Amino acid sequence: MDDDLALCLASDLDRSFERLVLAHQDRLFSLALRWMGDPREAEEIVQDAFVRAYRALGGYDPERIAGLRLRPWLARITLNLCRNRARVRHPVPVRLDGDDPPPVTSGPDGSPDGRLAGREARDHWANLLAGLPGRYRAPVVLRHVSGLDYDEMAEVLGRPVGTLKAQVHRGLALLRAAHEAALRREQTAEEPAATVRAPARVAEPRIREVTR
């Protein structure tokens, strides 16, 4: 699909650029949202990414455009914009709604309690993901949010495939460890309340009727 789109862009940039936006805007928005944590800021970043992409393509010759691998090229533009903005502030955790690790399901009956539990779990994993060091967070997000393969990730991040595989593995291990630690803290916090016994009920005094 991207190969055909790249050829169309090389042939007629203005007529084909809308196809590029429609094909990639959701993926780029997910990437920016996971990195920045602010939907409005993520939208601004994606718009800026497409403006930069259009300007760059306008300066490329058709042969270069036709040879572009669009997914990693656009992901690199978006990730660089995210990093530049994130340098001046800390990312805000946001819910994960895609196929981020690990998946969470709601109650089988779709009850409000089940949906609430699902949202809380996604918030929980979003906080853990936001807390990963950048060298692990970028590979995990590109792999498990953007769905890039390792060759594409290597093109985006400029790292060897073997290094990226190790960083994804390490990043997921850190997420699991942080998740298990959070569970232990939650269980520890609940234990005192669970061990407190209710005071014994005091029997009411029986009143004897006095007869005269």
Protein backbone atom coordinates (compact mmCIF):
# COMPACT_ATOMS: atom_id res chain seq x y z
CA MET A 1 0.00 0.00 0.00
CA ASP A 2 2.72 2.48 0.97
CA ASP A 3 4.78 1.58 -2.11
CA ASP A 4 1.84 2.45 -4.36
CA LEU A 5 1.17 5.63 -2.39
CA ALA A 6 4.81 6.69 -2.67
CA LEU A 7 4.62 6.27 -6.44
CA CYS A 8 1.44 8.39 -6.52
CA LEU A 9 3.12 11.09 -4.45
CA ALA A 10 6.09 11.05 -6.81
CA SER A 11 3.75 11.44 -9.77
CA ASP A 12 1.40 14.10 -8.34
CA LEU A 13 2.12 15.35 -4.82
CA ASP A 14 -0.83 17.71 -4.49
CA ARG A 15 -3.48 15.24 -5.64
CA SER A 16 -2.06 12.32 -3.60
CA PHE A 17 -1.16 14.03 -0.35
CA GLU A 18 -4.67 13.71 1.10
CA ARG A 19 -4.37 9.93 0.68
CA LEU A 20 -1.18 10.07 2.72
CA VAL A 21 -2.94 11.96 5.51
CA LEU A 22 -5.92 9.59 5.60
CA ALA A 23 -3.69 6.52 5.58
CA HIS A 24 -1.39 7.60 8.41
CA GLN A 25 -3.09 10.21 10.61
CA ASP A 26 -4.53 7.74 13.15
CA ARG A 27 -1.24 5.93 13.66
CA LEU A 28 0.69 9.17 14.05
CA PHE A 29 -1.90 10.54 16.48
CA SER A 30 -1.58 7.39 18.63
CA LEU A 31 2.19 7.78 18.67
CA ALA A 32 2.02 11.46 19.64
CA LEU A 33 -0.67 10.83 22.24
CA ARG A 34 1.28 8.07 23.98
CA TRP A 35 4.39 10.24 24.05
CA MET A 36 2.86 13.57 25.07
CA GLY A 37 -0.24 12.53 27.03
CA ASP A 38 -2.31 15.49 25.80
CA PRO A 39 -4.83 14.88 22.97
CA ARG A 40 -4.84 18.50 21.82
CA GLU A 41 -1.07 18.70 21.81
CA ALA A 42 -0.89 15.37 19.99
CA GLU A 43 -3.24 16.72 17.32
CA GLU A 44 -1.06 19.81 16.89
CA ILE A 45 2.03 17.64 16.53
CA VAL A 46 0.41 15.48 13.86
CA GLN A 47 -0.69 18.56 11.91
CA ASP A 48 2.84 19.95 12.16
CA ALA A 49 4.26 16.58 11.05
CA PHE A 50 2.15 16.57 7.90
CA VAL A 51 3.08 20.19 7.13
CA ARG A 52 6.75 19.29 7.43
CA ALA A 53 6.24 16.14 5.37
CA TYR A 54 4.56 18.12 2.58
CA ARG A 55 7.33 20.71 2.53
CA ALA A 56 10.00 18.01 2.50
CA LEU A 57 8.30 16.10 -0.32
CA GLY A 58 8.02 19.32 -2.30
CA GLY A 59 11.81 19.58 -2.27
CA TYR A 60 12.49 15.93 -3.20
CA ASP A 61 12.88 14.69 -6.74
CA PRO A 62 10.37 12.03 -7.88
CA GLU A 63 12.90 9.19 -7.62
CA ARG A 64 13.56 9.95 -3.97
CA ILE A 65 9.85 10.18 -3.17
CA ALA A 66 9.15 6.88 -4.92
CA GLY A 67 11.80 5.17 -2.80
CA LEU A 68 10.54 6.44 0.55
CA ARG A 69 9.31 4.04 3.21
CA LEU A 70 6.48 6.22 4.38
CA ARG A 71 5.61 4.62 7.74
CA PRO A 72 9.06 4.97 9.34
CA TRP A 73 9.67 8.31 7.61
CA LEU A 74 6.50 9.84 9.04
CA ALA A 75 7.05 8.19 12.43
CA ARG A 76 10.52 9.73 12.65
CA ILE A 77 9.17 13.21 11.88
CA THR A 78 6.44 12.80 14.51
CA LEU A 79 8.73 11.34 17.17
CA ASN A 80 11.26 14.14 16.71
CA LEU A 81 8.49 16.72 17.18
CA CYS A 82 7.33 14.92 20.32
CA ARG A 83 10.83 14.84 21.76
CA ASN A 84 11.37 18.53 21.06
CA ARG A 85 8.17 19.47 22.89
CA ALA A 86 8.75 17.03 25.73
CA ARG A 87 12.11 18.61 26.54
CA VAL A 88 10.37 21.61 28.05
CA ARG A 89 7.91 19.67 30.17
CA HIS A 90 7.09 16.25 31.58
CA PRO A 91 4.64 14.03 29.66
CA VAL A 92 1.15 13.66 31.11
CA PRO A 93 -0.08 10.07 31.44
CA VAL A 94 -3.06 9.24 29.24
CA ARG A 95 -5.28 6.23 28.77
CA LEU A 96 -4.11 3.52 26.38
CA ASP A 97 -6.83 2.45 23.97
CA GLY A 98 -4.97 0.52 21.29
CA ASP A 99 -3.10 -2.78 21.44
CA ASP A 100 -0.69 -1.60 24.11
CA PRO A 101 0.64 -4.23 26.49
CA PRO A 102 -1.10 -5.97 28.07
CA PRO A 103 -4.69 -6.05 26.82
CA VAL A 104 -7.47 -5.44 29.33
CA THR A 105 -11.04 -6.67 28.98
CA SER A 106 -14.18 -5.42 30.65
CA GLY A 107 -16.89 -7.50 32.24
CA PRO A 108 -18.63 -10.02 29.99
CA ASP A 109 -21.95 -8.22 30.40
CA GLY A 110 -20.49 -4.81 29.51
CA SER A 111 -21.60 -3.50 32.90
CA PRO A 112 -20.57 -0.03 34.12
CA ASP A 113 -18.37 -1.67 36.75
CA GLY A 114 -16.62 -3.68 34.07
CA ARG A 115 -16.07 -0.64 31.85
CA LEU A 116 -14.81 1.38 34.81
CA ALA A 117 -12.36 -1.38 35.70
CA GLY A 118 -11.15 -1.38 32.09
CA ARG A 119 -10.58 2.38 32.10
CA GLU A 120 -8.74 2.22 35.41
CA ALA A 121 -6.52 -0.55 34.09
CA ARG A 122 -5.70 1.43 30.94
CA ASP A 123 -4.88 4.48 33.06
CA HIS A 124 -2.65 2.29 35.20
CA TRP A 125 -0.69 0.99 32.20
CA ALA A 126 -0.47 4.48 30.69
CA ASN A 127 1.19 5.74 33.87
CA LEU A 128 3.65 2.87 33.80
CA LEU A 129 4.46 3.45 30.14
CA ALA A 130 5.01 7.18 30.74
CA GLY A 131 7.47 6.27 33.49
CA LEU A 132 9.74 4.18 31.25
CA PRO A 133 13.15 5.64 30.40
CA GLY A 134 13.16 7.14 26.91
CA ARG A 135 15.54 4.56 25.48
CA TYR A 136 12.96 1.87 26.24
CA ARG A 137 9.76 3.86 25.82
CA ALA A 138 10.39 4.81 22.17
CA PRO A 139 10.96 1.19 21.00
CA VAL A 140 7.96 -0.09 23.01
CA VAL A 141 5.66 2.62 21.64
CA LEU A 142 6.83 2.19 18.05
CA ARG A 143 6.47 -1.58 18.26
CA HIS A 144 3.29 -2.00 20.30
CA VAL A 145 1.41 1.23 19.52
CA SER A 146 2.48 2.18 16.00
CA GLY A 147 2.93 -1.42 14.89
CA LEU A 148 6.26 -0.87 13.14
CA ASP A 149 8.46 -3.86 12.39
CA TYR A 150 12.04 -3.90 13.63
CA ASP A 151 13.54 -2.81 10.30
CA GLU A 152 11.23 0.22 10.28
CA MET A 153 12.08 0.95 13.92
CA ALA A 154 15.77 0.82 13.08
CA GLU A 155 15.17 3.41 10.36
CA VAL A 156 13.27 5.68 12.78
CA LEU A 157 15.62 5.45 15.75
CA GLY A 158 18.94 4.79 14.01
CA ARG A 159 19.65 1.76 16.19
CA PRO A 160 20.54 -1.81 15.20
CA VAL A 161 17.69 -4.30 15.05
CA GLY A 162 19.32 -6.46 17.72
CA THR A 163 19.55 -3.50 20.08
CA LEU A 164 15.91 -2.62 19.49
CA LYS A 165 14.74 -6.17 20.19
CA ALA A 166 16.66 -6.14 23.45
CA GLN A 167 15.25 -2.72 24.39
CA VAL A 168 11.66 -3.78 23.66
CA HIS A 169 12.19 -6.92 25.74
CA ARG A 170 13.70 -4.90 28.57
CA GLY A 171 11.00 -2.23 28.36
CA LEU A 172 8.22 -4.80 28.63
CA ALA A 173 10.01 -6.47 31.54
CA LEU A 174 10.19 -3.11 33.33
CA LEU A 175 6.47 -2.56 32.72
CA ARG A 176 5.63 -5.97 34.18
CA ALA A 177 7.89 -5.40 37.18
CA ALA A 178 6.33 -1.99 37.84
CA HIS A 179 2.87 -3.51 37.50
CA GLU A 180 3.65 -6.28 39.99
CA ALA A 181 5.14 -3.76 42.43
CA ALA A 182 1.99 -1.66 42.19
CA LEU A 183 -0.14 -4.73 42.91
CA ARG A 184 1.96 -5.54 45.97
CA ARG A 185 1.58 -1.98 47.26
CA GLU A 186 -2.15 -2.15 46.75
CA GLN A 187 -2.42 -5.47 48.55
CA THR A 188 -0.28 -4.20 51.43
CA ALA A 189 -2.48 -1.12 51.77
CA GLU A 190 -5.59 -3.30 51.94
CA GLU A 191 -4.27 -5.79 54.51
CA PRO A 192 -4.74 -3.67 57.70
CA ALA A 193 -8.35 -2.96 56.80
CA ALA A 194 -8.94 -6.64 56.13
CA THR A 195 -7.51 -7.75 59.49
CA VAL A 196 -9.44 -5.31 61.67
CA ARG A 197 -12.29 -7.16 63.34
CA ALA A 198 -15.59 -5.56 64.03
CA PRO A 199 -16.26 -5.08 67.74
CA ALA A 200 -18.37 -7.77 69.33
CA ARG A 201 -21.99 -6.87 69.52
CA VAL A 202 -23.09 -6.13 73.07
CA ALA A 203 -26.33 -7.79 74.00
CA GLU A 204 -29.04 -5.45 75.07
CA PRO A 205 -30.07 -5.89 78.71
CA ARG A 206 -33.29 -7.78 79.23
CA ILE A 207 -35.86 -5.81 81.16
CA ARG A 208 -37.95 -7.85 83.52
CA GLU A 209 -41.50 -6.80 83.91
CA VAL A 210 -42.31 -6.03 87.53
CA THR A 211 -45.66 -7.14 88.72
CA ARG A 212 -47.28 -5.90 91.75
